[in-house]
PDB file of N, CA and C in Angstrom:
ATOM      1  N   MET A   1     135.712  47.766  38.283  1.00  0.00           N
ATOM      2  CA  MET A   1     135.767  47.383  39.684  1.00  0.00           C
ATOM      3  C   MET A   1     136.309  48.480  40.498  1.00  0.00           C
ATOM      4  N   PHE A   2     136.100  48.400  41.790  1.00  0.00           N
ATOM      5  CA  PHE A   2     136.564  49.375  42.818  1.00  0.00           C
ATOM      6  C   PHE A   2     137.165  48.677  44.033  1.00  0.00           C
ATOM      7  N   GLU A   3     137.947  49.299  44.227  1.00  0.00           N
ATOM      8  CA  GLU A   3     138.798  48.819  45.785  1.00  0.00           C
ATOM      9  C   GLU A   3     139.024  49.838  46.805  1.00  0.00           C
ATOM     10  N   LEU A   4     138.857  49.481  48.224  1.00  0.00           N
ATOM     11  CA  LEU A   4     138.993  50.288  49.380  1.00  0.00           C
ATOM     12  C   LEU A   4     139.839  49.671  50.007  1.00  0.00           C
ATOM     13  N   SER A   5     140.756  50.286  50.738  1.00  0.00           N
ATOM     14  CA  SER A   5     141.724  49.873  51.694  1.00  0.00           C
ATOM     15  C   SER A   5     141.647  50.569  52.942  1.00  0.00           C
ATOM     16  N   VAL A   6     141.857  50.022  54.069  1.00  0.00           N
ATOM     17  CA  VAL A   6     141.933  50.635  55.296  1.00  0.00           C
ATOM     18  C   VAL A   6     143.294  50.039  56.016  1.00  0.00           C
ATOM     19  N   GLN A   7     144.091  50.749  56.998  1.00  0.00           N
ATOM     20  CA  GLN A   7     145.106  50.234  57.677  1.00  0.00           C
ATOM     21  C   GLN A   7     144.945  50.326  58.870  1.00  0.00           C
ATOM     22  N   ARG A   8     145.741  49.752  59.798  1.00  0.00           N
ATOM     23  CA  ARG A   8     145.621  49.654  61.080  1.00  0.00           C
ATOM     24  C   ARG A   8     147.196  49.282  61.563  1.00  0.00           C
ATOM     25  N   VAL A   9     147.472  49.977  62.888  1.00  0.00           N
ATOM     26  CA  VAL A   9     148.362  49.508  63.625  1.00  0.00           C
ATOM     27  C   VAL A   9     148.211  48.888  64.782  1.00  0.00           C
ATOM     28  N   PHE A  10     148.863  47.801  65.275  1.00  0.00           N
ATOM     29  CA  PHE A  10     148.608  47.554  66.573  1.00  0.00           C
ATOM     30  C   PHE A  10     149.895  46.605  67.045  1.00  0.00           C
ATOM     31  N   SER A  11     150.153  46.836  68.419  1.00  0.00           N
ATOM     32  CA  SER A  11     151.161  46.050  69.081  1.00  0.00           C
ATOM     33  C   SER A  11     150.912  44.689  69.547  1.00  0.00           C
ATOM     34  N   ALA A  12     151.941  43.825  69.224  1.00  0.00           N
ATOM     35  CA  ALA A  12     151.618  42.482  69.841  1.00  0.00           C
ATOM     36  C   ALA A  12     152.707  41.530  69.759  1.00  0.00           C
ATOM     37  N   ALA A  13     152.819  40.814  70.800  1.00  0.00           N
ATOM     38  CA  ALA A  13     154.285  39.940  70.937  1.00  0.00           C
ATOM     39  C   ALA A  13     153.627  38.505  70.475  1.00  0.00           C
ATOM     40  N   HIS A  14     154.699  37.561  69.940  1.00  0.00           N
ATOM     41  CA  HIS A  14     154.409  36.201  69.698  1.00  0.00           C
ATOM     42  C   HIS A  14     155.776  35.579  69.971  1.00  0.00           C
ATOM     43  N   ALA A  15     155.699  34.246  70.068  1.00  0.00           N
ATOM     44  CA  ALA A  15     156.878  33.437  70.026  1.00  0.00           C
ATOM     45  C   ALA A  15     156.359  32.178  69.279  1.00  0.00           C
ATOM     46  N   LEU A  16     157.338  32.178  68.017  1.00  0.00           N
ATOM     47  CA  LEU A  16     156.869  30.948  67.400  1.00  0.00           C
ATOM     48  C   LEU A  16     157.734  29.526  67.619  1.00  0.00           C
ATOM     49  N   VAL A  17     157.142  28.505  67.369  1.00  0.00           N
ATOM     50  CA  VAL A  17     157.980  27.467  67.311  1.00  0.00           C
ATOM     51  C   VAL A  17     158.458  27.101  65.783  1.00  0.00           C
ATOM     52  N   LEU A  18     159.867  27.046  65.799  1.00  0.00           N
ATOM     53  CA  LEU A  18     160.360  26.875  64.362  1.00  0.00           C
ATOM     54  C   LEU A  18     161.312  25.667  64.591  1.00  0.00           C
ATOM     55  N   ALA A  19     161.107  24.515  63.826  1.00  0.00           N
ATOM     56  CA  ALA A  19     161.929  23.476  63.701  1.00  0.00           C
ATOM     57  C   ALA A  19     161.925  22.747  65.070  1.00  0.00           C
ATOM     58  N   GLY A  20     160.797  22.767  65.826  1.00  0.00           N
ATOM     59  CA  GLY A  20     160.640  22.240  67.179  1.00  0.00           C
ATOM     60  C   GLY A  20     161.111  23.139  68.286  1.00  0.00           C
ATOM     61  N   GLN A  21     161.607  24.303  67.863  1.00  0.00           N
ATOM     62  CA  GLN A  21     162.489  25.047  69.027  1.00  0.00           C
ATOM     63  C   GLN A  21     161.462  26.395  69.055  1.00  0.00           C
ATOM     64  N   ARG A  22     160.879  26.569  70.419  1.00  0.00           N
ATOM     65  CA  ARG A  22     160.312  28.090  70.662  1.00  0.00           C
ATOM     66  C   ARG A  22     161.279  29.021  70.717  1.00  0.00           C
ATOM     67  N   GLU A  23     160.814  30.311  69.687  1.00  0.00           N
ATOM     68  CA  GLU A  23     162.003  31.298  69.944  1.00  0.00           C
ATOM     69  C   GLU A  23     161.455  31.980  71.152  1.00  0.00           C
ATOM     70  N   PRO A  24     162.319  33.040  71.494  1.00  0.00           N
ATOM     71  CA  PRO A  24     161.925  34.018  72.561  1.00  0.00           C
ATOM     72  C   PRO A  24     160.536  34.754  72.307  1.00  0.00           C
ATOM     73  N   LEU A  25     159.900  35.092  73.140  1.00  0.00           N
ATOM     74  CA  LEU A  25     158.868  36.068  73.083  1.00  0.00           C
ATOM     75  C   LEU A  25     159.335  37.206  72.567  1.00  0.00           C
ATOM     76  N   HIS A  26     158.895  37.935  71.507  1.00  0.00           N
ATOM     77  CA  HIS A  26     159.063  39.225  71.134  1.00  0.00           C
ATOM     78  C   HIS A  26     157.944  39.996  70.423  1.00  0.00           C
ATOM     79  N   GLY A  27     157.977  41.214  70.539  1.00  0.00           N
ATOM     80  CA  GLY A  27     157.045  42.254  69.947  1.00  0.00           C
ATOM     81  C   GLY A  27     157.169  42.738  68.604  1.00  0.00           C
ATOM     82  N   HIS A  28     156.172  43.153  68.241  1.00  0.00           N
ATOM     83  CA  HIS A  28     156.008  43.880  66.775  1.00  0.00           C
ATOM     84  C   HIS A  28     155.061  45.031  66.853  1.00  0.00           C
ATOM     85  N   ASP A  29     155.244  46.005  66.158  1.00  0.00           N
ATOM     86  CA  ASP A  29     154.249  46.810  65.582  1.00  0.00           C
ATOM     87  C   ASP A  29     153.795  46.258  64.316  1.00  0.00           C
ATOM     88  N   TRP A  30     152.506  45.662  64.319  1.00  0.00           N
ATOM     89  CA  TRP A  30     152.111  45.035  63.147  1.00  0.00           C
ATOM     90  C   TRP A  30     151.605  45.921  62.318  1.00  0.00           C
ATOM     91  N   ARG A  31     151.630  46.227  61.217  1.00  0.00           N
ATOM     92  CA  ARG A  31     150.744  47.170  60.130  1.00  0.00           C
ATOM     93  C   ARG A  31     150.173  46.156  59.070  1.00  0.00           C
ATOM     94  N   LEU A  32     148.664  46.370  59.340  1.00  0.00           N
ATOM     95  CA  LEU A  32     147.579  45.856  58.744  1.00  0.00           C
ATOM     96  C   LEU A  32     147.031  46.359  57.589  1.00  0.00           C
ATOM     97  N   THR A  33     146.970  45.730  56.705  1.00  0.00           N
ATOM     98  CA  THR A  33     145.955  46.532  55.357  1.00  0.00           C
ATOM     99  C   THR A  33     145.076  45.502  55.243  1.00  0.00           C
ATOM    100  N   VAL A  34     144.018  46.019  54.774  1.00  0.00           N
ATOM    101  CA  VAL A  34     142.785  45.171  54.231  1.00  0.00           C
ATOM    102  C   VAL A  34     142.226  45.934  52.943  1.00  0.00           C
ATOM    103  N   VAL A  35     142.068  45.069  52.245  1.00  0.00           N
ATOM    104  CA  VAL A  35     141.359  45.575  50.814  1.00  0.00           C
ATOM    105  C   VAL A  35     140.185  44.705  50.508  1.00  0.00           C
ATOM    106  N   VAL A  36     139.163  45.798  50.145  1.00  0.00           N
ATOM    107  CA  VAL A  36     137.989  44.925  49.757  1.00  0.00           C
ATOM    108  C   VAL A  36     137.622  45.632  48.301  1.00  0.00           C
ATOM    109  N   ARG A  37     136.687  44.672  47.683  1.00  0.00           N
ATOM    110  CA  ARG A  37     136.578  45.134  46.230  1.00  0.00           C
ATOM    111  C   ARG A  37     135.209  44.748  45.821  1.00  0.00           C
ATOM    112  N   GLY A  38     134.628  45.422  44.872  1.00  0.00           N
ATOM    113  CA  GLY A  38     133.238  45.232  44.449  1.00  0.00           C
ATOM    114  C   GLY A  38     133.292  46.105  43.065  1.00  0.00           C
ATOM    115  N   ASP A  39     132.444  45.603  42.048  1.00  0.00           N
ATOM    116  CA  ASP A  39     131.949  46.275  40.890  1.00  0.00           C
ATOM    117  C   ASP A  39     130.905  47.127  40.624  1.00  0.00           C
ATOM    118  N   ARG A  40     130.223  47.085  41.981  1.00  0.00           N
ATOM    119  CA  ARG A  40     129.007  48.189  42.067  1.00  0.00           C
ATOM    120  C   ARG A  40     128.887  48.720  43.193  1.00  0.00           C
ATOM    121  N   LEU A  41     128.621  50.110  43.122  1.00  0.00           N
ATOM    122  CA  LEU A  41     128.605  51.224  44.151  1.00  0.00           C
ATOM    123  C   LEU A  41     127.008  51.131  44.517  1.00  0.00           C
ATOM    124  N   ASP A  42     126.572  51.357  45.901  1.00  0.00           N
ATOM    125  CA  ASP A  42     125.370  51.272  46.434  1.00  0.00           C
ATOM    126  C   ASP A  42     124.889  52.842  45.821  1.00  0.00           C
ATOM    127  N   GLY A  43     123.416  53.014  46.338  1.00  0.00           N
ATOM    128  CA  GLY A  43     122.461  54.169  46.020  1.00  0.00           C
ATOM    129  C   GLY A  43     123.185  55.114  46.680  1.00  0.00           C
ATOM    130  N   GLU A  44     124.090  55.304  47.673  1.00  0.00           N
ATOM    131  CA  GLU A  44     124.902  56.468  47.967  1.00  0.00           C
ATOM    132  C   GLU A  44     126.376  56.728  47.519  1.00  0.00           C
ATOM    133  N   GLY A  45     126.606  55.925  46.369  1.00  0.00           N
ATOM    134  CA  GLY A  45     127.797  55.946  45.603  1.00  0.00           C
ATOM    135  C   GLY A  45     129.064  55.487  46.344  1.00  0.00           C
ATOM    136  N   LEU A  46     128.774  54.366  47.193  1.00  0.00           N
ATOM    137  CA  LEU A  46     129.986  53.770  47.934  1.00  0.00           C
ATOM    138  C   LEU A  46     129.808  52.318  47.674  1.00  0.00           C
ATOM    139  N   LEU A  47     131.205  51.701  47.620  1.00  0.00           N
ATOM    140  CA  LEU A  47     131.354  50.621  47.869  1.00  0.00           C
ATOM    141  C   LEU A  47     130.863  49.731  49.165  1.00  0.00           C
ATOM    142  N   CYS A  48     131.683  50.532  50.122  1.00  0.00           N
ATOM    143  CA  CYS A  48     131.485  50.277  51.416  1.00  0.00           C
ATOM    144  C   CYS A  48     132.005  51.480  52.372  1.00  0.00           C
ATOM    145  N   ASP A  49     131.164  51.783  53.343  1.00  0.00           N
ATOM    146  CA  ASP A  49     131.266  52.837  54.251  1.00  0.00           C
ATOM    147  C   ASP A  49     132.813  52.589  55.087  1.00  0.00           C
ATOM    148  N   PHE A  50     133.919  53.507  54.776  1.00  0.00           N
ATOM    149  CA  PHE A  50     135.027  53.335  55.439  1.00  0.00           C
ATOM    150  C   PHE A  50     134.909  53.177  56.946  1.00  0.00           C
ATOM    151  N   HIS A  51     134.066  53.808  57.655  1.00  0.00           N
ATOM    152  CA  HIS A  51     133.812  53.726  59.048  1.00  0.00           C
ATOM    153  C   HIS A  51     133.605  52.287  59.232  1.00  0.00           C
ATOM    154  N   ALA A  52     132.460  51.807  58.696  1.00  0.00           N
ATOM    155  CA  ALA A  52     132.218  50.718  58.874  1.00  0.00           C
ATOM    156  C   ALA A  52     133.146  49.440  58.783  1.00  0.00           C
ATOM    157  N   LEU A  53     133.622  49.507  57.922  1.00  0.00           N
ATOM    158  CA  LEU A  53     134.957  48.764  57.595  1.00  0.00           C
ATOM    159  C   LEU A  53     135.753  48.795  58.885  1.00  0.00           C
ATOM    160  N   GLU A  54     136.444  50.114  59.122  1.00  0.00           N
ATOM    161  CA  GLU A  54     137.262  50.319  60.156  1.00  0.00           C
ATOM    162  C   GLU A  54     136.963  49.365  61.450  1.00  0.00           C
ATOM    163  N   SER A  55     135.523  49.682  61.570  1.00  0.00           N
ATOM    164  CA  SER A  55     134.879  48.989  62.875  1.00  0.00           C
ATOM    165  C   SER A  55     135.141  47.687  63.008  1.00  0.00           C
ATOM    166  N   ALA A  56     134.737  46.881  61.587  1.00  0.00           N
ATOM    167  CA  ALA A  56     134.671  45.663  61.802  1.00  0.00           C
ATOM    168  C   ALA A  56     136.109  45.262  61.969  1.00  0.00           C
ATOM    169  N   VAL A  57     137.154  46.018  61.315  1.00  0.00           N
ATOM    170  CA  VAL A  57     138.419  45.406  61.574  1.00  0.00           C
ATOM    171  C   VAL A  57     138.997  45.736  62.729  1.00  0.00           C
ATOM    172  N   ASP A  58     138.712  46.726  63.553  1.00  0.00           N
ATOM    173  CA  ASP A  58     139.041  47.307  64.609  1.00  0.00           C
ATOM    174  C   ASP A  58     138.357  45.910  65.998  1.00  0.00           C
ATOM    175  N   GLY A  59     137.224  45.534  65.722  1.00  0.00           N
ATOM    176  CA  GLY A  59     136.598  44.376  66.383  1.00  0.00           C
ATOM    177  C   GLY A  59     137.182  43.147  66.264  1.00  0.00           C
ATOM    178  N   ILE A  60     137.851  42.655  65.261  1.00  0.00           N
ATOM    179  CA  ILE A  60     138.289  41.633  65.058  1.00  0.00           C
ATOM    180  C   ILE A  60     139.846  41.627  65.860  1.00  0.00           C
ATOM    181  N   ILE A  61     140.464  42.599  65.545  1.00  0.00           N
ATOM    182  CA  ILE A  61     141.885  42.858  65.954  1.00  0.00           C
ATOM    183  C   ILE A  61     141.871  43.064  67.528  1.00  0.00           C
ATOM    184  N   ALA A  62     140.773  43.693  68.140  1.00  0.00           N
ATOM    185  CA  ALA A  62     140.768  44.326  69.604  1.00  0.00           C
ATOM    186  C   ALA A  62     141.449  43.231  70.809  1.00  0.00           C
ATOM    187  N   PRO A  63     141.331  41.917  70.364  1.00  0.00           N
ATOM    188  CA  PRO A  63     141.740  41.126  71.410  1.00  0.00           C
ATOM    189  C   PRO A  63     143.270  41.041  71.314  1.00  0.00           C
ATOM    190  N   PHE A  64     143.989  41.392  70.174  1.00  0.00           N
ATOM    191  CA  PHE A  64     145.286  41.413  69.883  1.00  0.00           C
ATOM    192  C   PHE A  64     146.328  42.468  70.052  1.00  0.00           C
ATOM    193  N   ARG A  65     145.572  43.663  70.433  1.00  0.00           N
ATOM    194  CA  ARG A  65     146.345  44.926  70.950  1.00  0.00           C
ATOM    195  C   ARG A  65     146.913  44.515  72.241  1.00  0.00           C
ATOM    196  N   ASN A  66     148.248  44.866  72.369  1.00  0.00           N
ATOM    197  CA  ASN A  66     148.941  44.849  73.212  1.00  0.00           C
ATOM    198  C   ASN A  66     148.877  43.380  74.070  1.00  0.00           C
ATOM    199  N   ALA A  67     148.882  42.507  73.329  1.00  0.00           N
ATOM    200  CA  ALA A  67     148.577  40.938  74.022  1.00  0.00           C
ATOM    201  C   ALA A  67     149.884  40.373  73.467  1.00  0.00           C
ATOM    202  N   ASN A  68     149.911  39.138  74.118  1.00  0.00           N
ATOM    203  CA  ASN A  68     150.806  37.951  73.687  1.00  0.00           C
ATOM    204  C   ASN A  68     150.050  37.043  72.845  1.00  0.00           C
ATOM    205  N   LEU A  69     150.052  36.924  71.509  1.00  0.00           N
ATOM    206  CA  LEU A  69     149.372  36.411  70.655  1.00  0.00           C
ATOM    207  C   LEU A  69     149.377  34.865  71.025  1.00  0.00           C
ATOM    208  N   ASN A  70     150.086  34.484  71.532  1.00  0.00           N
ATOM    209  CA  ASN A  70     150.166  32.876  72.034  1.00  0.00           C
ATOM    210  C   ASN A  70     149.029  32.584  73.074  1.00  0.00           C
ATOM    211  N   GLU A  71     148.558  33.606  73.920  1.00  0.00           N
ATOM    212  CA  GLU A  71     147.658  33.578  74.870  1.00  0.00           C
ATOM    213  C   GLU A  71     146.331  33.907  74.563  1.00  0.00           C
ATOM    214  N   VAL A  72     145.952  34.005  73.218  1.00  0.00           N
ATOM    215  CA  VAL A  72     144.716  34.747  72.625  1.00  0.00           C
ATOM    216  C   VAL A  72     144.183  33.707  71.738  1.00  0.00           C
ATOM    217  N   GLU A  73     143.103  33.218  71.678  1.00  0.00           N
ATOM    218  CA  GLU A  73     142.397  32.501  70.545  1.00  0.00           C
ATOM    219  C   GLU A  73     142.287  33.257  69.387  1.00  0.00           C
ATOM    220  N   PRO A  74     142.738  32.585  68.184  1.00  0.00           N
ATOM    221  CA  PRO A  74     142.881  31.164  67.740  1.00  0.00           C
ATOM    222  C   PRO A  74     144.232  30.453  67.970  1.00  0.00           C
ATOM    223  N   PHE A  75     145.206  31.542  68.718  1.00  0.00           N
ATOM    224  CA  PHE A  75     146.725  31.138  68.624  1.00  0.00           C
ATOM    225  C   PHE A  75     146.981  30.329  69.761  1.00  0.00           C
ATOM    226  N   MET A  76     146.082  29.861  70.546  1.00  0.00           N
ATOM    227  CA  MET A  76     146.589  29.144  71.768  1.00  0.00           C
ATOM    228  C   MET A  76     146.962  27.668  71.541  1.00  0.00           C
ATOM    229  N   GLN A  77     146.448  27.174  70.587  1.00  0.00           N
ATOM    230  CA  GLN A  77     147.085  25.792  70.000  1.00  0.00           C
ATOM    231  C   GLN A  77     147.483  25.829  68.469  1.00  0.00           C
ATOM    232  N   ALA A  78     147.694  27.041  68.121  1.00  0.00           N
ATOM    233  CA  ALA A  78     148.161  27.190  66.799  1.00  0.00           C
ATOM    234  C   ALA A  78     149.538  28.227  66.693  1.00  0.00           C
ATOM    235  N   ASN A  79     150.475  27.891  65.980  1.00  0.00           N
ATOM    236  CA  ASN A  79     151.605  28.882  65.826  1.00  0.00           C
ATOM    237  C   ASN A  79     151.172  30.362  65.403  1.00  0.00           C
ATOM    238  N   PRO A  80     151.304  31.442  66.116  1.00  0.00           N
ATOM    239  CA  PRO A  80     151.086  32.624  65.812  1.00  0.00           C
ATOM    240  C   PRO A  80     151.760  33.311  64.778  1.00  0.00           C
ATOM    241  N   SER A  81     151.780  32.667  63.690  1.00  0.00           N
ATOM    242  CA  SER A  81     152.644  33.318  62.518  1.00  0.00           C
ATOM    243  C   SER A  81     151.982  34.591  61.821  1.00  0.00           C
ATOM    244  N   ALA A  82     152.596  35.457  61.134  1.00  0.00           N
ATOM    245  CA  ALA A  82     152.034  36.411  60.270  1.00  0.00           C
ATOM    246  C   ALA A  82     151.039  35.683  59.516  1.00  0.00           C
ATOM    247  N   GLU A  83     151.394  34.640  58.831  1.00  0.00           N
ATOM    248  CA  GLU A  83     150.465  34.067  57.756  1.00  0.00           C
ATOM    249  C   GLU A  83     149.193  33.607  58.624  1.00  0.00           C
ATOM    250  N   LYS A  84     149.168  32.848  59.694  1.00  0.00           N
ATOM    251  CA  LYS A  84     147.941  32.563  60.235  1.00  0.00           C
ATOM    252  C   LYS A  84     147.275  33.720  60.609  1.00  0.00           C
ATOM    253  N   LEU A  85     147.876  34.974  61.250  1.00  0.00           N
ATOM    254  CA  LEU A  85     147.323  35.901  61.459  1.00  0.00           C
ATOM    255  C   LEU A  85     146.555  36.500  60.678  1.00  0.00           C
ATOM    256  N   VAL A  86     147.204  36.798  59.306  1.00  0.00           N
ATOM    257  CA  VAL A  86     146.070  37.359  58.208  1.00  0.00           C
ATOM    258  C   VAL A  86     145.061  36.561  57.507  1.00  0.00           C
ATOM    259  N   GLN A  87     145.292  35.099  57.881  1.00  0.00           N
ATOM    260  CA  GLN A  87     144.255  34.163  57.364  1.00  0.00           C
ATOM    261  C   GLN A  87     142.824  34.282  58.149  1.00  0.00           C
ATOM    262  N   TYR A  88     143.594  34.507  59.758  1.00  0.00           N
ATOM    263  CA  TYR A  88     142.058  34.426  60.408  1.00  0.00           C
ATOM    264  C   TYR A  88     141.546  35.733  60.397  1.00  0.00           C
ATOM    265  N   ILE A  89     142.397  36.691  60.326  1.00  0.00           N
ATOM    266  CA  ILE A  89     141.494  38.212  60.210  1.00  0.00           C
ATOM    267  C   ILE A  89     140.861  38.137  58.905  1.00  0.00           C
ATOM    268  N   GLY A  90     141.220  37.569  57.736  1.00  0.00           N
ATOM    269  CA  GLY A  90     140.616  37.888  56.522  1.00  0.00           C
ATOM    270  C   GLY A  90     139.203  36.911  56.494  1.00  0.00           C
ATOM    271  N   GLU A  91     139.451  35.536  57.241  1.00  0.00           N
ATOM    272  CA  GLU A  91     138.194  34.746  57.283  1.00  0.00           C
ATOM    273  C   GLU A  91     137.282  35.394  57.934  1.00  0.00           C
ATOM    274  N   ARG A  92     137.384  36.016  59.203  1.00  0.00           N
ATOM    275  CA  ARG A  92     136.434  36.637  60.081  1.00  0.00           C
ATOM    276  C   ARG A  92     136.007  37.782  59.388  1.00  0.00           C
ATOM    277  N   LEU A  93     136.636  38.728  58.725  1.00  0.00           N
ATOM    278  CA  LEU A  93     136.113  40.108  58.038  1.00  0.00           C
ATOM    279  C   LEU A  93     135.235  39.533  57.016  1.00  0.00           C
ATOM    280  N   LYS A  94     135.485  38.378  56.135  1.00  0.00           N
ATOM    281  CA  LYS A  94     134.493  37.895  54.902  1.00  0.00           C
ATOM    282  C   LYS A  94     133.070  38.088  55.370  1.00  0.00           C
ATOM    283  N   THR A  95     132.849  37.616  56.701  1.00  0.00           N
ATOM    284  CA  THR A  95     131.446  37.515  57.109  1.00  0.00           C
ATOM    285  C   THR A  95     131.102  38.883  57.581  1.00  0.00           C
ATOM    286  N   ALA A  96     131.940  40.022  57.737  1.00  0.00           N
ATOM    287  CA  ALA A  96     131.113  41.156  58.096  1.00  0.00           C
ATOM    288  C   ALA A  96     130.924  42.150  57.123  1.00  0.00           C
ATOM    289  N   LEU A  97     131.281  41.759  55.775  1.00  0.00           N
ATOM    290  CA  LEU A  97     131.419  42.889  54.702  1.00  0.00           C
ATOM    291  C   LEU A  97     130.038  42.722  54.038  1.00  0.00           C
ATOM    292  N   PRO A  98     129.371  44.395  53.874  1.00  0.00           N
ATOM    293  CA  PRO A  98     128.222  44.457  53.309  1.00  0.00           C
ATOM    294  C   PRO A  98     127.928  43.646  51.828  1.00  0.00           C
ATOM    295  N   PRO A  99     126.696  43.549  51.483  1.00  0.00           N
ATOM    296  CA  PRO A  99     126.440  42.993  50.224  1.00  0.00           C
ATOM    297  C   PRO A  99     127.133  43.847  49.266  1.00  0.00           C
ATOM    298  N   GLY A 100     127.533  43.110  47.918  1.00  0.00           N
ATOM    299  CA  GLY A 100     128.340  43.685  46.834  1.00  0.00           C
ATOM    300  C   GLY A 100     129.869  43.865  47.321  1.00  0.00           C
ATOM    301  N   ALA A 101     130.585  43.969  48.356  1.00  0.00           N
ATOM    302  CA  ALA A 101     131.718  43.954  48.694  1.00  0.00           C
ATOM    303  C   ALA A 101     132.362  42.634  49.144  1.00  0.00           C
ATOM    304  N   SER A 102     133.543  42.165  48.439  1.00  0.00           N
ATOM    305  CA  SER A 102     134.395  41.035  48.847  1.00  0.00           C
ATOM    306  C   SER A 102     135.625  41.305  49.195  1.00  0.00           C
ATOM    307  N   LEU A 103     136.092  40.452  49.913  1.00  0.00           N
ATOM    308  CA  LEU A 103     137.640  40.588  50.634  1.00  0.00           C
ATOM    309  C   LEU A 103     138.549  40.336  49.514  1.00  0.00           C
ATOM    310  N   ALA A 104     139.503  41.379  49.075  1.00  0.00           N
ATOM    311  CA  ALA A 104     140.430  41.090  48.131  1.00  0.00           C
ATOM    312  C   ALA A 104     141.676  40.358  48.541  1.00  0.00           C
ATOM    313  N   ARG A 105     142.150  41.129  49.875  1.00  0.00           N
ATOM    314  CA  ARG A 105     143.262  40.725  50.434  1.00  0.00           C
ATOM    315  C   ARG A 105     143.766  41.272  51.949  1.00  0.00           C
ATOM    316  N   VAL A 106     144.427  40.588  52.616  1.00  0.00           N
ATOM    317  CA  VAL A 106     144.753  41.128  53.970  1.00  0.00           C
ATOM    318  C   VAL A 106     146.043  41.000  53.986  1.00  0.00           C
ATOM    319  N   SER A 107     146.929  42.011  54.263  1.00  0.00           N
ATOM    320  CA  SER A 107     148.421  41.898  54.473  1.00  0.00           C
ATOM    321  C   SER A 107     148.704  42.452  56.076  1.00  0.00           C
ATOM    322  N   VAL A 108     150.077  41.938  56.437  1.00  0.00           N
ATOM    323  CA  VAL A 108     150.538  42.416  57.746  1.00  0.00           C
ATOM    324  C   VAL A 108     151.985  42.626  57.600  1.00  0.00           C
ATOM    325  N   THR A 109     152.482  43.660  57.979  1.00  0.00           N
ATOM    326  CA  THR A 109     154.165  43.816  57.983  1.00  0.00           C
ATOM    327  C   THR A 109     154.405  43.654  59.680  1.00  0.00           C
ATOM    328  N   GLU A 110     155.173  42.777  59.871  1.00  0.00           N
ATOM    329  CA  GLU A 110     155.848  42.662  61.539  1.00  0.00           C
ATOM    330  C   GLU A 110     156.956  43.110  61.470  1.00  0.00           C
ATOM    331  N   ALA A 111     157.622  43.622  60.307  1.00  0.00           N
ATOM    332  CA  ALA A 111     159.140  44.253  60.368  1.00  0.00           C
ATOM    333  C   ALA A 111     159.335  44.789  59.019  1.00  0.00           C
ATOM    334  N   PRO A 112     159.834  45.722  58.840  1.00  0.00           N
ATOM    335  CA  PRO A 112     160.275  46.281  57.499  1.00  0.00           C
ATOM    336  C   PRO A 112     160.650  45.420  56.643  1.00  0.00           C
ATOM    337  N   GLY A 113     160.038  45.174  55.438  1.00  0.00           N
ATOM    338  CA  GLY A 113     160.424  44.389  54.526  1.00  0.00           C
ATOM    339  C   GLY A 113     159.833  43.033  54.465  1.00  0.00           C
ATOM    340  N   CYS A 114     159.104  42.679  55.768  1.00  0.00           N
ATOM    341  CA  CYS A 114     158.691  41.353  56.015  1.00  0.00           C
ATOM    342  C   CYS A 114     156.959  41.447  55.989  1.00  0.00           C
ATOM    343  N   GLU A 115     156.435  40.779  55.004  1.00  0.00           N
ATOM    344  CA  GLU A 115     154.837  40.980  54.830  1.00  0.00           C
ATOM    345  C   GLU A 115     154.282  39.744  54.240  1.00  0.00           C
ATOM    346  N   ALA A 116     153.300  39.566  54.944  1.00  0.00           N
ATOM    347  CA  ALA A 116     152.477  38.356  54.743  1.00  0.00           C
ATOM    348  C   ALA A 116     151.206  38.798  54.291  1.00  0.00           C
ATOM    349  N   THR A 117     150.569  38.266  53.092  1.00  0.00           N
ATOM    350  CA  THR A 117     149.371  38.573  52.843  1.00  0.00           C
ATOM    351  C   THR A 117     148.475  37.259  52.370  1.00  0.00           C
ATOM    352  N   TYR A 118     147.182  37.332  52.754  1.00  0.00           N
ATOM    353  CA  TYR A 118     146.155  36.431  52.675  1.00  0.00           C
ATOM    354  C   TYR A 118     145.310  36.900  51.488  1.00  0.00           C
ATOM    355  N   ILE A 119     145.143  35.913  50.571  1.00  0.00           N
ATOM    356  CA  ILE A 119     144.175  36.295  49.424  1.00  0.00           C
ATOM    357  C   ILE A 119     142.808  35.095  49.468  1.00  0.00           C
ATOM    358  N   PRO A 120     141.754  35.258  49.682  1.00  0.00           N
ATOM    359  CA  PRO A 120     140.790  34.252  49.728  1.00  0.00           C
ATOM    360  C   PRO A 120     140.968  33.343  48.639  1.00  0.00           C
ATOM    361  N   GLU A 121     140.450  32.200  48.835  1.00  0.00           N
ATOM    362  CA  GLU A 121     140.703  31.237  47.350  1.00  0.00           C
ATOM    363  C   GLU A 121     139.696  31.882  46.369  1.00  0.00           C
ATOM    364  N   SER A 122     138.570  31.990  46.681  1.00  0.00           N
ATOM    365  CA  SER A 122     137.721  32.677  45.480  1.00  0.00           C
ATOM    366  C   SER A 122     138.331  33.760  44.529  1.00  0.00           C
ATOM    367  N   ASP A 123     139.131  34.561  45.393  1.00  0.00           N
ATOM    368  CA  ASP A 123     139.746  35.731  44.742  1.00  0.00           C
ATOM    369  C   ASP A 123     141.176  35.535  43.918  1.00  0.00           C
ATOM    370  N   ALA A 124     141.548  34.205  44.357  1.00  0.00           N
ATOM    371  CA  ALA A 124     143.031  33.922  44.058  1.00  0.00           C
ATOM    372  C   ALA A 124     143.221  34.011  42.534  1.00  0.00           C
ATOM    373  N   PRO A 125     144.188  34.308  42.232  1.00  0.00           N
ATOM    374  CA  PRO A 125     144.496  34.246  40.606  1.00  0.00           C
ATOM    375  C   PRO A 125     144.712  32.900  40.152  1.00  0.00           C
ATOM    376  N   VAL A 126     144.562  32.276  39.051  1.00  0.00           N
ATOM    377  CA  VAL A 126     144.544  31.372  38.523  1.00  0.00           C
ATOM    378  C   VAL A 126     145.468  31.068  37.475  1.00  0.00           C
TER     379      VAL A 126
END
């Protein structure tokens, strides 16, 4: 089994609704890690080209850069929590991966020591 990971950092703000109360708008430098896996390499000895993976991730997070997440789809009607953010990124990324590569997990750290991880159902431990 092989795994590749890419990391990205982007700045974005959000205001969550917690217990019916909207918290003040505040920003984070979100630290994103995407991990893909597969058991076979292609004819060039690659699981997935790093540049292609980076490009796919960059395309997904582009609307979030320097934005208020509450004003960007899909969070205009959903609480823009770290958990919902990684789920959205993961679900979008799954469809952009080349044959033979699958999404292992997506993690985001919004503050030191505060990390949310999304593991697709098919790859979740039993």
